[in-house]
C-alpha atoms as a PDB file:
ATOM      1  CA  MET A   1       7.445  -3.275 -23.268  1.00  0.00           C
ATOM      2  CA  ILE A   2       8.268  -5.206 -20.176  1.00  0.00           C
ATOM      3  CA  GLU A   3       8.017  -8.711 -20.235  1.00  0.00           C
ATOM      4  CA  VAL A   4       8.808 -10.785 -17.200  1.00  0.00           C
ATOM      5  CA  ARG A   5       8.787 -15.001 -17.608  1.00  0.00           C
ATOM      6  CA  ASN A   6       9.347 -16.501 -14.430  1.00  0.00           C
ATOM      7  CA  LEU A   7      11.662 -14.444 -12.313  1.00  0.00           C
ATOM      8  CA  THR A   8      13.233 -15.717  -9.566  1.00  0.00           C
ATOM      9  CA  ARG A   9      15.356 -14.166  -7.191  1.00  0.00           C
ATOM     10  CA  SER A  10      17.111 -15.880  -3.661  1.00  0.00           C
ATOM     11  CA  TYR A  11      19.382 -14.238  -1.233  1.00  0.00           C
ATOM     12  CA  ARG A  12      21.435 -17.131   0.324  1.00  0.00           C
ATOM     13  CA  ASP A  13      18.607 -19.072   1.301  1.00  0.00           C
ATOM     14  CA  ARG A  14      15.567 -16.298   1.446  1.00  0.00           C
ATOM     15  CA  VAL A  15      13.378 -15.946  -2.197  1.00  0.00           C
ATOM     16  CA  ALA A  16      12.030 -12.761  -2.067  1.00  0.00           C
ATOM     17  CA  ILE A  17      10.431 -13.339  -5.551  1.00  0.00           C
ATOM     18  CA  GLN A  18       9.047 -16.845  -7.047  1.00  0.00           C
ATOM     19  CA  ASP A  19       8.459 -17.763 -10.648  1.00  0.00           C
ATOM     20  CA  LEU A  20       6.724 -14.421 -11.468  1.00  0.00           C
ATOM     21  CA  SER A  21       5.296 -13.640 -15.126  1.00  0.00           C
ATOM     22  CA  PHE A  22       3.491 -10.543 -16.215  1.00  0.00           C
ATOM     23  CA  THR A  23       3.926  -8.118 -19.153  1.00  0.00           C
ATOM     24  CA  VAL A  24       3.517  -4.471 -19.399  1.00  0.00           C
ATOM     25  CA  GLY A  25       1.724  -3.174 -23.118  1.00  0.00           C
ATOM     26  CA  GLU A  26       3.163   0.126 -24.274  1.00  0.00           C
ATOM     27  CA  GLY A  27       1.976   3.763 -22.927  1.00  0.00           C
ATOM     28  CA  GLU A  28       0.510   1.549 -19.912  1.00  0.00           C
ATOM     29  CA  LEU A  29       0.526   2.845 -16.636  1.00  0.00           C
ATOM     30  CA  LEU A  30       0.643   0.484 -13.997  1.00  0.00           C
ATOM     31  CA  GLY A  31       0.495   0.355 -10.408  1.00  0.00           C
ATOM     32  CA  PHE A  32       2.450  -2.119  -9.052  1.00  0.00           C
ATOM     33  CA  LEU A  33       1.776  -3.409  -5.208  1.00  0.00           C
ATOM     34  CA  GLY A  34       2.634  -5.304  -2.325  1.00  0.00           C
ATOM     35  CA  PRO A  35       3.239  -5.422   1.694  1.00  0.00           C
ATOM     36  CA  ASN A  36       6.432  -4.773   3.428  1.00  0.00           C
ATOM     37  CA  GLY A  37       8.565  -7.255   1.916  1.00  0.00           C
ATOM     38  CA  ALA A  38       6.850  -9.151  -1.120  1.00  0.00           C
ATOM     39  CA  GLY A  39       9.625  -8.428  -3.618  1.00  0.00           C
ATOM     40  CA  LYS A  40       8.787  -4.950  -5.117  1.00  0.00           C
ATOM     41  CA  SER A  41      12.147  -3.396  -4.639  1.00  0.00           C
ATOM     42  CA  THR A  42      13.911  -6.939  -6.174  1.00  0.00           C
ATOM     43  CA  THR A  43      11.887  -6.847  -9.030  1.00  0.00           C
ATOM     44  CA  MET A  44      12.612  -3.190 -10.089  1.00  0.00           C
ATOM     45  CA  LYS A  45      16.520  -4.022  -9.224  1.00  0.00           C
ATOM     46  CA  ILE A  46      16.263  -6.732 -11.859  1.00  0.00           C
ATOM     47  CA  LEU A  47      14.382  -4.778 -14.640  1.00  0.00           C
ATOM     48  CA  THR A  48      17.214  -1.891 -14.446  1.00  0.00           C
ATOM     49  CA  GLY A  49      19.887  -3.755 -14.163  1.00  0.00           C
ATOM     50  CA  PHE A  50      21.200  -3.081 -10.899  1.00  0.00           C
ATOM     51  CA  LEU A  51      20.683  -6.862  -9.269  1.00  0.00           C
ATOM     52  CA  PRO A  52      21.167 -10.265 -11.495  1.00  0.00           C
ATOM     53  CA  PRO A  53      18.075 -12.478 -11.347  1.00  0.00           C
ATOM     54  CA  THR A  54      18.641 -16.465  -9.872  1.00  0.00           C
ATOM     55  CA  GLY A  55      16.606 -17.160 -12.581  1.00  0.00           C
ATOM     56  CA  GLY A  56      13.883 -16.635 -15.421  1.00  0.00           C
ATOM     57  CA  GLN A  57      14.225 -13.665 -18.484  1.00  0.00           C
ATOM     58  CA  VAL A  58      13.199  -9.963 -18.093  1.00  0.00           C
ATOM     59  CA  LYS A  59      13.000  -8.220 -21.331  1.00  0.00           C
ATOM     60  CA  VAL A  60      12.422  -4.018 -21.845  1.00  0.00           C
ATOM     61  CA  ALA A  61      11.350  -2.940 -25.104  1.00  0.00           C
ATOM     62  CA  GLY A  62      13.026  -6.170 -26.390  1.00  0.00           C
ATOM     63  CA  PHE A  63      16.379  -6.426 -25.258  1.00  0.00           C
ATOM     64  CA  ASP A  64      17.416  -8.746 -22.389  1.00  0.00           C
ATOM     65  CA  VAL A  65      18.014  -7.255 -18.531  1.00  0.00           C
ATOM     66  CA  SER A  66      21.099  -9.542 -18.510  1.00  0.00           C
ATOM     67  CA  THR A  67      22.508  -9.978 -21.852  1.00  0.00           C
ATOM     68  CA  HIS A  68      21.744  -6.364 -23.149  1.00  0.00           C
ATOM     69  CA  PRO A  69      22.103  -4.550 -19.742  1.00  0.00           C
ATOM     70  CA  MET A  70      23.151  -1.144 -21.437  1.00  0.00           C
ATOM     71  CA  GLU A  71      20.448  -1.023 -24.021  1.00  0.00           C
ATOM     72  CA  VAL A  72      17.960  -2.025 -21.208  1.00  0.00           C
ATOM     73  CA  LYS A  73      19.504   1.455 -19.108  1.00  0.00           C
ATOM     74  CA  ARG A  74      19.147   3.349 -22.432  1.00  0.00           C
ATOM     75  CA  ARG A  75      15.460   2.962 -22.841  1.00  0.00           C
ATOM     76  CA  ILE A  76      14.605   2.894 -18.975  1.00  0.00           C
ATOM     77  CA  GLY A  77      13.816   6.249 -16.777  1.00  0.00           C
ATOM     78  CA  TYR A  78      14.326   4.953 -12.998  1.00  0.00           C
ATOM     79  CA  LEU A  79      13.388   7.275  -9.640  1.00  0.00           C
ATOM     80  CA  PRO A  80      14.122   5.277  -6.808  1.00  0.00           C
ATOM     81  CA  GLU A  81      12.312   5.581  -3.247  1.00  0.00           C
ATOM     82  CA  THR A  82      15.362   8.265  -2.485  1.00  0.00           C
ATOM     83  CA  PRO A  83      16.055  10.533  -5.496  1.00  0.00           C
ATOM     84  CA  PRO A  84      19.583   9.984  -6.820  1.00  0.00           C
ATOM     85  CA  LEU A  85      20.522  13.843  -6.745  1.00  0.00           C
ATOM     86  CA  TYR A  86      23.578  15.809  -5.673  1.00  0.00           C
ATOM     87  CA  PRO A  87      22.467  18.459  -3.160  1.00  0.00           C
ATOM     88  CA  GLU A  88      25.084  20.850  -3.361  1.00  0.00           C
ATOM     89  CA  LEU A  89      24.423  20.901  -7.055  1.00  0.00           C
ATOM     90  CA  THR A  90      22.176  23.655  -8.742  1.00  0.00           C
ATOM     91  CA  VAL A  91      18.272  22.138 -10.261  1.00  0.00           C
ATOM     92  CA  HIS A  92      20.532  23.245 -13.524  1.00  0.00           C
ATOM     93  CA  GLY A  93      23.792  22.101 -13.056  1.00  0.00           C
ATOM     94  CA  TYR A  94      22.410  18.469 -12.130  1.00  0.00           C
ATOM     95  CA  LEU A  95      20.063  18.065 -14.659  1.00  0.00           C
ATOM     96  CA  THR A  96      22.343  19.069 -17.393  1.00  0.00           C
ATOM     97  CA  PHE A  97      25.185  16.419 -15.508  1.00  0.00           C
ATOM     98  CA  VAL A  98      22.417  13.806 -15.870  1.00  0.00           C
ATOM     99  CA  ALA A  99      22.274  14.375 -19.458  1.00  0.00           C
ATOM    100  CA  ALA A 100      25.653  14.132 -20.212  1.00  0.00           C
ATOM    101  CA  LEU A 101      25.601  10.515 -18.078  1.00  0.00           C
ATOM    102  CA  LYS A 102      22.855   9.597 -20.756  1.00  0.00           C
ATOM    103  CA  GLN A 103      24.614  10.312 -23.664  1.00  0.00           C
ATOM    104  CA  VAL A 104      22.132  12.876 -24.754  1.00  0.00           C
ATOM    105  CA  PRO A 105      24.002  14.771 -27.809  1.00  0.00           C
ATOM    106  CA  GLY A 106      25.719  18.583 -26.725  1.00  0.00           C
ATOM    107  CA  HIS A 107      24.436  20.339 -29.243  1.00  0.00           C
ATOM    108  CA  ALA A 108      20.380  19.214 -27.485  1.00  0.00           C
ATOM    109  CA  VAL A 109      21.117  19.106 -24.072  1.00  0.00           C
ATOM    110  CA  LYS A 110      19.899  22.489 -23.220  1.00  0.00           C
ATOM    111  CA  ALA A 111      16.262  22.062 -24.846  1.00  0.00           C
ATOM    112  CA  GLU A 112      15.872  18.711 -23.215  1.00  0.00           C
ATOM    113  CA  VAL A 113      17.009  19.920 -20.057  1.00  0.00           C
ATOM    114  CA  GLU A 114      14.532  22.992 -21.017  1.00  0.00           C
ATOM    115  CA  ARG A 115      11.778  20.501 -21.727  1.00  0.00           C
ATOM    116  CA  VAL A 116      12.111  17.990 -18.721  1.00  0.00           C
ATOM    117  CA  ALA A 117      11.770  20.980 -16.542  1.00  0.00           C
ATOM    118  CA  GLY A 118       9.051  22.475 -18.293  1.00  0.00           C
ATOM    119  CA  LEU A 119       7.126  19.184 -17.622  1.00  0.00           C
ATOM    120  CA  THR A 120       7.333  18.876 -14.042  1.00  0.00           C
ATOM    121  CA  GLY A 121       7.147  22.245 -13.122  1.00  0.00           C
ATOM    122  CA  VAL A 122      11.128  23.238 -12.133  1.00  0.00           C
ATOM    123  CA  GLY A 123      11.754  25.714 -14.487  1.00  0.00           C
ATOM    124  CA  ASP A 124      11.373  28.768 -11.886  1.00  0.00           C
ATOM    125  CA  VAL A 125      14.126  26.758  -9.294  1.00  0.00           C
ATOM    126  CA  MET A 126      17.120  25.593 -11.946  1.00  0.00           C
ATOM    127  CA  GLY A 127      19.134  28.245 -10.018  1.00  0.00           C
ATOM    128  CA  ARG A 128      18.836  27.171  -6.839  1.00  0.00           C
ATOM    129  CA  VAL A 129      20.641  24.593  -5.019  1.00  0.00           C
ATOM    130  CA  ILE A 130      18.932  21.432  -4.532  1.00  0.00           C
ATOM    131  CA  GLN A 131      19.302  20.876  -1.122  1.00  0.00           C
ATOM    132  CA  ASN A 132      17.317  24.273  -0.506  1.00  0.00           C
ATOM    133  CA  LEU A 133      14.895  23.136  -1.820  1.00  0.00           C
ATOM    134  CA  SER A 134      11.440  21.743  -0.690  1.00  0.00           C
ATOM    135  CA  LYS A 135      10.478  17.847  -0.365  1.00  0.00           C
ATOM    136  CA  GLY A 136       8.287  18.092  -3.492  1.00  0.00           C
ATOM    137  CA  PHE A 137      10.668  20.133  -5.667  1.00  0.00           C
ATOM    138  CA  GLN A 138      13.534  17.436  -5.550  1.00  0.00           C
ATOM    139  CA  GLN A 139      10.690  15.081  -6.160  1.00  0.00           C
ATOM    140  CA  ARG A 140       9.947  16.763  -9.590  1.00  0.00           C
ATOM    141  CA  VAL A 141      13.804  17.108  -9.755  1.00  0.00           C
ATOM    142  CA  GLY A 142      13.742  13.488  -9.419  1.00  0.00           C
ATOM    143  CA  ILE A 143      11.175  12.810 -11.913  1.00  0.00           C
ATOM    144  CA  ALA A 144      12.787  15.277 -14.416  1.00  0.00           C
ATOM    145  CA  GLN A 145      15.898  13.410 -14.259  1.00  0.00           C
ATOM    146  CA  ALA A 146      14.104  10.263 -15.229  1.00  0.00           C
ATOM    147  CA  LEU A 147      12.441  12.029 -17.751  1.00  0.00           C
ATOM    148  CA  LEU A 148      15.975  12.838 -19.808  1.00  0.00           C
ATOM    149  CA  GLY A 149      16.449  11.173 -23.042  1.00  0.00           C
ATOM    150  CA  SER A 150      12.792  10.315 -23.513  1.00  0.00           C
ATOM    151  CA  PRO A 151      12.950   6.715 -22.462  1.00  0.00           C
ATOM    152  CA  PRO A 152       9.857   4.710 -23.135  1.00  0.00           C
ATOM    153  CA  VAL A 153       9.970   2.540 -19.766  1.00  0.00           C
ATOM    154  CA  LEU A 154       9.810   4.752 -16.430  1.00  0.00           C
ATOM    155  CA  ILE A 155       9.687   3.077 -13.075  1.00  0.00           C
ATOM    156  CA  LEU A 156       8.782   5.004 -10.581  1.00  0.00           C
ATOM    157  CA  ASP A 157       8.906   4.068  -6.904  1.00  0.00           C
ATOM    158  CA  GLU A 158       7.218   6.179  -3.850  1.00  0.00           C
ATOM    159  CA  PRO A 159       7.657   8.846  -5.904  1.00  0.00           C
ATOM    160  CA  THR A 160       4.964  10.859  -3.469  1.00  0.00           C
ATOM    161  CA  GLU A 161       6.265   9.485  -0.038  1.00  0.00           C
ATOM    162  CA  GLY A 162       6.530  12.264   2.264  1.00  0.00           C
ATOM    163  CA  LEU A 163       4.611  15.005   0.115  1.00  0.00           C
ATOM    164  CA  ASP A 164       1.971  17.468   1.645  1.00  0.00           C
ATOM    165  CA  PRO A 165      -1.419  16.542   0.183  1.00  0.00           C
ATOM    166  CA  THR A 166      -1.106  19.597  -2.363  1.00  0.00           C
ATOM    167  CA  GLN A 167       2.134  18.348  -3.526  1.00  0.00           C
ATOM    168  CA  ARG A 168       1.150  14.976  -3.867  1.00  0.00           C
ATOM    169  CA  ALA A 169      -1.837  16.193  -6.383  1.00  0.00           C
ATOM    170  CA  GLU A 170       0.228  18.028  -8.313  1.00  0.00           C
ATOM    171  CA  LEU A 171       3.228  14.899  -8.997  1.00  0.00           C
ATOM    172  CA  ARG A 172      -0.399  12.605  -9.068  1.00  0.00           C
ATOM    173  CA  ALA A 173      -1.449  14.738 -12.205  1.00  0.00           C
ATOM    174  CA  LEU A 174       2.149  14.747 -13.493  1.00  0.00           C
ATOM    175  CA  ILE A 175       2.260  11.139 -13.180  1.00  0.00           C
ATOM    176  CA  ARG A 176      -1.009  10.366 -14.906  1.00  0.00           C
ATOM    177  CA  GLY A 177      -0.155  12.752 -17.736  1.00  0.00           C
ATOM    178  CA  LEU A 178       3.188  10.732 -18.402  1.00  0.00           C
ATOM    179  CA  ALA A 179       0.967   7.431 -19.508  1.00  0.00           C
ATOM    180  CA  GLY A 180       0.820   6.877 -23.135  1.00  0.00           C
ATOM    181  CA  LYS A 181       3.975   9.060 -24.039  1.00  0.00           C
ATOM    182  CA  HIS A 182       5.905   6.284 -22.145  1.00  0.00           C
ATOM    183  CA  THR A 183       5.187   3.012 -19.950  1.00  0.00           C
ATOM    184  CA  VAL A 184       4.566   3.582 -16.346  1.00  0.00           C
ATOM    185  CA  LEU A 185       5.565   1.767 -13.306  1.00  0.00           C
ATOM    186  CA  LEU A 186       4.176   2.811 -10.004  1.00  0.00           C
ATOM    187  CA  SER A 187       5.063   1.241  -6.883  1.00  0.00           C
ATOM    188  CA  THR A 188       3.386   3.448  -3.919  1.00  0.00           C
ATOM    189  CA  HIS A 189       1.908   1.652  -0.406  1.00  0.00           C
ATOM    190  CA  ILE A 190      -1.109   5.144  -0.981  1.00  0.00           C
ATOM    191  CA  LEU A 191      -3.748   2.543  -2.496  1.00  0.00           C
ATOM    192  CA  SER A 192      -5.666   6.178  -3.102  1.00  0.00           C
ATOM    193  CA  GLU A 193      -3.304   7.048  -5.044  1.00  0.00           C
ATOM    194  CA  VAL A 194      -3.248   3.818  -7.721  1.00  0.00           C
ATOM    195  CA  ALA A 195      -6.921   4.039  -7.609  1.00  0.00           C
ATOM    196  CA  VAL A 196      -6.967   7.293  -9.159  1.00  0.00           C
ATOM    197  CA  THR A 197      -3.819   7.295 -11.373  1.00  0.00           C
ATOM    198  CA  CYS A 198      -3.842   3.902 -12.517  1.00  0.00           C
ATOM    199  CA  GLU A 199      -6.027   1.673 -13.990  1.00  0.00           C
ATOM    200  CA  THR A 200      -4.206  -1.955 -14.050  1.00  0.00           C
ATOM    201  CA  VAL A 201      -2.657  -2.739 -11.283  1.00  0.00           C
ATOM    202  CA  LEU A 202      -0.520  -5.728 -10.144  1.00  0.00           C
ATOM    203  CA  ILE A 203      -0.337  -7.054  -6.438  1.00  0.00           C
ATOM    204  CA  LEU A 204       2.532  -9.286  -5.359  1.00  0.00           C
ATOM    205  CA  HIS A 205       2.611 -10.986  -2.084  1.00  0.00           C
ATOM    206  CA  GLN A 206       5.810 -12.675  -0.810  1.00  0.00           C
ATOM    207  CA  GLY A 207       7.518 -13.019  -3.901  1.00  0.00           C
ATOM    208  CA  ARG A 208       4.342 -14.303  -5.940  1.00  0.00           C
ATOM    209  CA  VAL A 209       1.550 -12.633  -8.308  1.00  0.00           C
ATOM    210  CA  VAL A 210      -1.257 -12.651  -6.459  1.00  0.00           C
ATOM    211  CA  ALA A 211      -3.345 -10.387  -9.219  1.00  0.00           C
ATOM    212  CA  HIS A 212      -2.785  -8.794 -12.466  1.00  0.00           C
ATOM    213  CA  GLU A 213      -5.919  -7.304 -13.961  1.00  0.00           C
ATOM    214  CA  ALA A 214      -8.041  -3.932 -14.191  1.00  0.00           C
ATOM    215  CA  ILE A 215      -8.579  -2.037 -11.214  1.00  0.00           C
ATOM    216  CA  ALA A 216     -12.719  -2.184 -12.281  1.00  0.00           C
ATOM    217  CA  THR A 217     -12.666  -5.701 -12.218  1.00  0.00           C
ATOM    218  CA  LEU A 218     -10.720  -6.595  -9.372  1.00  0.00           C
ATOM    219  CA  ALA A 219     -12.812  -6.495  -6.480  1.00  0.00           C
ATOM    220  CA  GLN A 220     -15.154  -9.475  -8.779  1.00  0.00           C
ATOM    221  CA  SER A 221     -13.187 -11.212  -9.642  1.00  0.00           C
ATOM    222  CA  HIS A 222     -11.838 -11.817  -6.116  1.00  0.00           C
ATOM    223  CA  GLY A 223     -15.124 -12.450  -4.909  1.00  0.00           C
ATOM    224  CA  GLN A 224     -15.281  -9.197  -3.224  1.00  0.00           C
ATOM    225  CA  ALA A 225     -18.751  -6.827  -3.034  1.00  0.00           C
ATOM    226  CA  GLU A 226     -18.502  -4.790  -6.739  1.00  0.00           C
ATOM    227  CA  HIS A 227     -18.272  -1.747  -4.671  1.00  0.00           C
ATOM    228  CA  ALA A 228     -15.311  -3.089  -2.639  1.00  0.00           C
ATOM    229  CA  SER A 229     -12.353  -0.467  -2.383  1.00  0.00           C
ATOM    230  CA  LEU A 230      -8.226  -1.718  -3.344  1.00  0.00           C
ATOM    231  CA  GLU A 231      -7.772  -1.530  -0.117  1.00  0.00           C
ATOM    232  CA  GLU A 232     -10.131  -3.747   0.741  1.00  0.00           C
ATOM    233  CA  VAL A 233      -9.089  -6.365  -2.056  1.00  0.00           C
ATOM    234  CA  PHE A 234      -5.570  -5.504  -1.266  1.00  0.00           C
ATOM    235  CA  ILE A 235      -5.664  -6.491   2.935  1.00  0.00           C
ATOM    236  CA  LYS A 236      -7.753 -10.127   1.387  1.00  0.00           C
ATOM    237  CA  LEU A 237      -5.148 -10.599  -0.895  1.00  0.00           C
ATOM    238  CA  THR A 238      -2.063 -10.188   1.127  1.00  0.00           C
ATOM    239  CA  ALA A 239      -3.809 -11.559   4.540  1.00  0.00           C
ATOM    240  CA  ALA A 240      -2.219 -15.289   4.505  1.00  0.00           C
END
């Protein structure tokens, strides 16, 4: 569903990502990890068409990001680290507005808004103004807008950032439930969440892939004790 081949992106004399190649299969929930400055945000911006690559190729659902950017955007639901909310709108007004932007047919908007509200648990706050909602509900609204139109690919950047433990657990369960129906790329610094949410991880370090495999085999593949945690393996791979 996602194909990245020899992807490179430079900012003047600084190389943010270099020669990245990886694939993400249909219905997979991939933990996308790396320390600050590793190139995660740059990669996600290229995948979503917000940033052009310097070199290489990216395809989403078979469409090239560079040559068919609108086709790619139609197939991606994106939740950036700061949800793209309009705080002065009600939840219902905002989701209806985003549905129109995503060209959901007019006759289907009401049902589609109700569907994503039910999935994300915001049905009871549809009439409330977004700026008056808790951080947890605002994150839920952010995920709801990403789900509008049922895009086959979801890219979620730090979806549980700033949430309390209860809110984090609720969102984690929601994200787990999306796997299979959607291909999900989940970026977060909270490694314990990845360990209980994802089966596969991709770790970036200094713009390169240093690991891409099942969490169950990660420690053994990289010379760690069998019982080593994801955090321990992550620290070893990104220490240099």
